[in-house]
Amino acid sequence: MTDMIKSSQKMSDTPEEREFELRAHIGAIWSGGRLFIGIYTFLLAALAFSYFYLRSSNNGLLWRPDHVTAPTAYGWTIYTLVLLAALMAIFGQARLRKGSVSEWQVAVWVGVAASLLALFLQVWEFTAVPFYPARVATPRRSLAIRSSIS
């Protein structure tokens, strides 16, 4: 038994074994990527369904009331920061393929900083809206909704 453990810890010696391991890694990445694409597609489909369902039901004519508006400056700033992070990822990948590790590191850290700033602004935006975003999900209201349904 110990002979099998000792022999399994050494690196692959033959080119055939290395190619087999590489193909196994590529297959795992391919399968994981397809699984992620499927999960993300269903997430977007659920989001689109809920958007159009709530818009079409329009209970109480409260889909877009005139007195409730969100601050657009925060939204555009968040959008710009997320777009900057995506562009930094693309730029960093291109620089890494050319062999410039230091420029890749700078691009990664700029992207991380932009993403964290966008996240902070998203949370900060919730304090600037004229309504309380978490108010809808109170237990009292969900009990009232359940009792009215049954």
C-alpha atoms as a PDB file:
ATOM      1  CA  MET A   1       0.000   0.000   0.000  1.00  0.00           C
ATOM      2  CA  THR A   2       2.786   2.438   0.817  1.00  0.00           C
ATOM      3  CA  ASP A   3       4.435   1.633  -2.492  1.00  0.00           C
ATOM      4  CA  MET A   4       1.318   2.883  -4.332  1.00  0.00           C
ATOM      5  CA  ILE A   5       1.202   6.100  -2.310  1.00  0.00           C
ATOM      6  CA  LYS A   6       4.879   6.838  -2.892  1.00  0.00           C
ATOM      7  CA  SER A   7       4.630   6.178  -6.617  1.00  0.00           C
ATOM      8  CA  SER A   8       1.508   8.331  -7.025  1.00  0.00           C
ATOM      9  CA  GLN A   9       3.186  11.425  -5.592  1.00  0.00           C
ATOM     10  CA  LYS A  10       5.895  11.708  -8.222  1.00  0.00           C
ATOM     11  CA  MET A  11       5.449  13.726 -11.397  1.00  0.00           C
ATOM     12  CA  SER A  12       4.538  12.129 -14.692  1.00  0.00           C
ATOM     13  CA  ASP A  13       7.610  10.970 -16.527  1.00  0.00           C
ATOM     14  CA  THR A  14       6.420  10.011 -19.969  1.00  0.00           C
ATOM     15  CA  PRO A  15       5.059  12.407 -22.582  1.00  0.00           C
ATOM     16  CA  GLU A  16       1.941  10.238 -22.937  1.00  0.00           C
ATOM     17  CA  GLU A  17       1.106  10.664 -19.255  1.00  0.00           C
ATOM     18  CA  ARG A  18       1.658  14.413 -19.448  1.00  0.00           C
ATOM     19  CA  GLU A  19      -0.598  14.675 -22.489  1.00  0.00           C
ATOM     20  CA  PHE A  20      -3.267  12.585 -20.758  1.00  0.00           C
ATOM     21  CA  GLU A  21      -3.153  14.873 -17.709  1.00  0.00           C
ATOM     22  CA  LEU A  22      -3.323  17.953 -19.928  1.00  0.00           C
ATOM     23  CA  ARG A  23      -6.347  16.565 -21.771  1.00  0.00           C
ATOM     24  CA  ALA A  24      -7.995  15.757 -18.429  1.00  0.00           C
ATOM     25  CA  HIS A  25      -7.466  19.345 -17.267  1.00  0.00           C
ATOM     26  CA  ILE A  26      -8.805  20.750 -20.537  1.00  0.00           C
ATOM     27  CA  GLY A  27     -11.830  18.462 -20.308  1.00  0.00           C
ATOM     28  CA  ALA A  28     -12.539  19.601 -16.755  1.00  0.00           C
ATOM     29  CA  ILE A  29     -12.246  23.259 -17.741  1.00  0.00           C
ATOM     30  CA  TRP A  30     -14.532  22.668 -20.743  1.00  0.00           C
ATOM     31  CA  SER A  31     -17.155  20.920 -18.602  1.00  0.00           C
ATOM     32  CA  GLY A  32     -16.987  23.541 -15.875  1.00  0.00           C
ATOM     33  CA  GLY A  33     -17.267  26.338 -18.427  1.00  0.00           C
ATOM     34  CA  ARG A  34     -20.343  24.803 -20.026  1.00  0.00           C
ATOM     35  CA  LEU A  35     -21.909  24.297 -16.604  1.00  0.00           C
ATOM     36  CA  PHE A  36     -21.258  27.958 -15.723  1.00  0.00           C
ATOM     37  CA  ILE A  37     -22.750  29.105 -19.034  1.00  0.00           C
ATOM     38  CA  GLY A  38     -25.889  27.064 -18.348  1.00  0.00           C
ATOM     39  CA  ILE A  39     -26.256  28.408 -14.808  1.00  0.00           C
ATOM     40  CA  TYR A  40     -25.734  31.996 -15.922  1.00  0.00           C
ATOM     41  CA  THR A  41     -28.205  31.588 -18.789  1.00  0.00           C
ATOM     42  CA  PHE A  42     -30.894  30.352 -16.413  1.00  0.00           C
ATOM     43  CA  LEU A  43     -30.131  33.239 -14.059  1.00  0.00           C
ATOM     44  CA  LEU A  44     -30.633  35.779 -16.835  1.00  0.00           C
ATOM     45  CA  ALA A  45     -33.793  33.994 -18.009  1.00  0.00           C
ATOM     46  CA  ALA A  46     -35.216  34.117 -14.470  1.00  0.00           C
ATOM     47  CA  LEU A  47     -34.349  37.801 -14.224  1.00  0.00           C
ATOM     48  CA  ALA A  48     -36.004  38.571 -17.560  1.00  0.00           C
ATOM     49  CA  PHE A  49     -39.086  36.543 -16.619  1.00  0.00           C
ATOM     50  CA  SER A  50     -39.491  38.309 -13.277  1.00  0.00           C
ATOM     51  CA  TYR A  51     -39.017  41.727 -14.901  1.00  0.00           C
ATOM     52  CA  PHE A  52     -41.668  41.184 -17.561  1.00  0.00           C
ATOM     53  CA  TYR A  53     -44.033  39.408 -15.161  1.00  0.00           C
ATOM     54  CA  LEU A  54     -43.935  42.211 -12.617  1.00  0.00           C
ATOM     55  CA  ARG A  55     -44.208  44.828 -15.325  1.00  0.00           C
ATOM     56  CA  SER A  56     -47.237  43.181 -16.901  1.00  0.00           C
ATOM     57  CA  SER A  57     -49.044  42.595 -13.605  1.00  0.00           C
ATOM     58  CA  ASN A  58     -48.518  46.241 -12.458  1.00  0.00           C
ATOM     59  CA  ASN A  59     -50.500  45.838  -9.247  1.00  0.00           C
ATOM     60  CA  GLY A  60     -51.822  49.135  -7.936  1.00  0.00           C
ATOM     61  CA  LEU A  61     -50.284  51.029 -10.874  1.00  0.00           C
ATOM     62  CA  LEU A  62     -47.008  51.139  -8.968  1.00  0.00           C
ATOM     63  CA  TRP A  63     -44.655  49.865 -11.662  1.00  0.00           C
ATOM     64  CA  ARG A  64     -43.011  53.253 -12.101  1.00  0.00           C
ATOM     65  CA  PRO A  65     -44.609  55.877  -9.900  1.00  0.00           C
ATOM     66  CA  ASP A  66     -43.741  59.474 -10.735  1.00  0.00           C
ATOM     67  CA  HIS A  67     -42.657  60.390  -7.222  1.00  0.00           C
ATOM     68  CA  VAL A  68     -40.024  57.610  -6.938  1.00  0.00           C
ATOM     69  CA  THR A  69     -36.845  58.108  -8.954  1.00  0.00           C
ATOM     70  CA  ALA A  70     -33.423  56.623  -8.495  1.00  0.00           C
ATOM     71  CA  PRO A  71     -30.267  58.760  -8.610  1.00  0.00           C
ATOM     72  CA  THR A  72     -28.753  58.234 -12.061  1.00  0.00           C
ATOM     73  CA  ALA A  73     -25.315  59.662 -11.278  1.00  0.00           C
ATOM     74  CA  TYR A  74     -24.557  56.714  -9.003  1.00  0.00           C
ATOM     75  CA  GLY A  75     -25.740  54.276 -11.663  1.00  0.00           C
ATOM     76  CA  TRP A  76     -23.569  55.744 -14.414  1.00  0.00           C
ATOM     77  CA  THR A  77     -20.559  55.864 -12.097  1.00  0.00           C
ATOM     78  CA  ILE A  78     -21.039  52.206 -11.124  1.00  0.00           C
ATOM     79  CA  TYR A  79     -21.499  51.235 -14.767  1.00  0.00           C
ATOM     80  CA  THR A  80     -18.313  53.077 -15.751  1.00  0.00           C
ATOM     81  CA  LEU A  81     -16.303  51.412 -12.980  1.00  0.00           C
ATOM     82  CA  VAL A  82     -17.533  47.928 -13.905  1.00  0.00           C
ATOM     83  CA  LEU A  83     -16.746  48.631 -17.561  1.00  0.00           C
ATOM     84  CA  LEU A  84     -13.256  49.800 -16.537  1.00  0.00           C
ATOM     85  CA  ALA A  85     -12.730  46.570 -14.585  1.00  0.00           C
ATOM     86  CA  ALA A  86     -13.772  44.497 -17.607  1.00  0.00           C
ATOM     87  CA  LEU A  87     -11.480  46.446 -19.929  1.00  0.00           C
ATOM     88  CA  MET A  88      -8.618  46.038 -17.467  1.00  0.00           C
ATOM     89  CA  ALA A  89      -9.195  42.268 -17.480  1.00  0.00           C
ATOM     90  CA  ILE A  90      -9.025  42.186 -21.280  1.00  0.00           C
ATOM     91  CA  PHE A  91      -5.966  44.458 -21.378  1.00  0.00           C
ATOM     92  CA  GLY A  92      -4.234  42.497 -18.624  1.00  0.00           C
ATOM     93  CA  GLN A  93      -4.824  39.193 -20.384  1.00  0.00           C
ATOM     94  CA  ALA A  94      -3.368  40.586 -23.613  1.00  0.00           C
ATOM     95  CA  ARG A  95      -0.299  41.905 -21.794  1.00  0.00           C
ATOM     96  CA  LEU A  96       0.177  38.614 -19.951  1.00  0.00           C
ATOM     97  CA  ARG A  97       0.127  36.694 -23.230  1.00  0.00           C
ATOM     98  CA  LYS A  98       2.867  38.982 -24.515  1.00  0.00           C
ATOM     99  CA  GLY A  99       4.915  38.220 -21.417  1.00  0.00           C
ATOM    100  CA  SER A 100       4.589  41.451 -19.459  1.00  0.00           C
ATOM    101  CA  VAL A 101       3.775  40.256 -15.961  1.00  0.00           C
ATOM    102  CA  SER A 102       4.193  43.656 -14.299  1.00  0.00           C
ATOM    103  CA  GLU A 103       1.622  45.329 -16.578  1.00  0.00           C
ATOM    104  CA  TRP A 104      -0.722  42.414 -15.967  1.00  0.00           C
ATOM    105  CA  GLN A 105      -0.410  42.916 -12.209  1.00  0.00           C
ATOM    106  CA  VAL A 106      -1.144  46.623 -12.555  1.00  0.00           C
ATOM    107  CA  ALA A 107      -4.209  45.864 -14.686  1.00  0.00           C
ATOM    108  CA  VAL A 108      -5.431  43.288 -12.165  1.00  0.00           C
ATOM    109  CA  TRP A 109      -5.114  45.649  -9.220  1.00  0.00           C
ATOM    110  CA  VAL A 110      -6.776  48.514 -11.095  1.00  0.00           C
ATOM    111  CA  GLY A 111      -9.644  46.158 -11.977  1.00  0.00           C
ATOM    112  CA  VAL A 112      -9.963  44.957  -8.372  1.00  0.00           C
ATOM    113  CA  ALA A 113      -9.954  48.537  -7.070  1.00  0.00           C
ATOM    114  CA  ALA A 114     -12.582  49.593  -9.624  1.00  0.00           C
ATOM    115  CA  SER A 115     -14.766  46.604  -8.719  1.00  0.00           C
ATOM    116  CA  LEU A 116     -14.530  47.282  -4.992  1.00  0.00           C
ATOM    117  CA  LEU A 117     -15.293  50.970  -5.528  1.00  0.00           C
ATOM    118  CA  ALA A 118     -18.320  50.014  -7.670  1.00  0.00           C
ATOM    119  CA  LEU A 119     -19.520  47.671  -4.935  1.00  0.00           C
ATOM    120  CA  PHE A 120     -19.096  50.394  -2.310  1.00  0.00           C
ATOM    121  CA  LEU A 121     -21.018  52.878  -4.457  1.00  0.00           C
ATOM    122  CA  GLN A 122     -23.793  50.335  -5.024  1.00  0.00           C
ATOM    123  CA  VAL A 123     -24.230  49.958  -1.264  1.00  0.00           C
ATOM    124  CA  TRP A 124     -23.931  53.720  -0.781  1.00  0.00           C
ATOM    125  CA  GLU A 125     -26.615  54.275  -3.419  1.00  0.00           C
ATOM    126  CA  PHE A 126     -29.121  52.428  -1.256  1.00  0.00           C
ATOM    127  CA  THR A 127     -28.795  55.223   1.312  1.00  0.00           C
ATOM    128  CA  ALA A 128     -29.598  57.893  -1.297  1.00  0.00           C
ATOM    129  CA  VAL A 129     -32.819  56.471  -2.747  1.00  0.00           C
ATOM    130  CA  PRO A 130     -36.055  58.056  -1.497  1.00  0.00           C
ATOM    131  CA  PHE A 131     -37.398  54.673  -0.345  1.00  0.00           C
ATOM    132  CA  TYR A 132     -36.029  51.913   1.869  1.00  0.00           C
ATOM    133  CA  PRO A 133     -35.034  48.983  -0.407  1.00  0.00           C
ATOM    134  CA  ALA A 134     -35.294  46.269   2.268  1.00  0.00           C
ATOM    135  CA  ARG A 135     -38.746  47.367   3.386  1.00  0.00           C
ATOM    136  CA  VAL A 136     -40.493  45.025   0.956  1.00  0.00           C
ATOM    137  CA  ALA A 137     -38.982  41.893   2.490  1.00  0.00           C
ATOM    138  CA  THR A 138     -40.170  42.324   6.076  1.00  0.00           C
ATOM    139  CA  PRO A 139     -41.652  39.232   7.716  1.00  0.00           C
ATOM    140  CA  ARG A 140     -44.875  41.069   8.569  1.00  0.00           C
ATOM    141  CA  ARG A 141     -45.500  41.934   4.939  1.00  0.00           C
ATOM    142  CA  SER A 142     -44.694  38.426   3.709  1.00  0.00           C
ATOM    143  CA  LEU A 143     -47.160  37.009   6.273  1.00  0.00           C
ATOM    144  CA  ALA A 144     -49.794  39.444   5.028  1.00  0.00           C
ATOM    145  CA  ILE A 145     -49.134  38.378   1.443  1.00  0.00           C
ATOM    146  CA  ARG A 146     -49.367  34.694   2.375  1.00  0.00           C
ATOM    147  CA  SER A 147     -52.610  35.175   4.267  1.00  0.00           C
ATOM    148  CA  SER A 148     -54.178  37.104   1.389  1.00  0.00           C
ATOM    149  CA  ILE A 149     -53.209  34.362  -1.075  1.00  0.00           C
ATOM    150  CA  SER A 150     -54.748  31.511   0.955  1.00  0.00           C
END
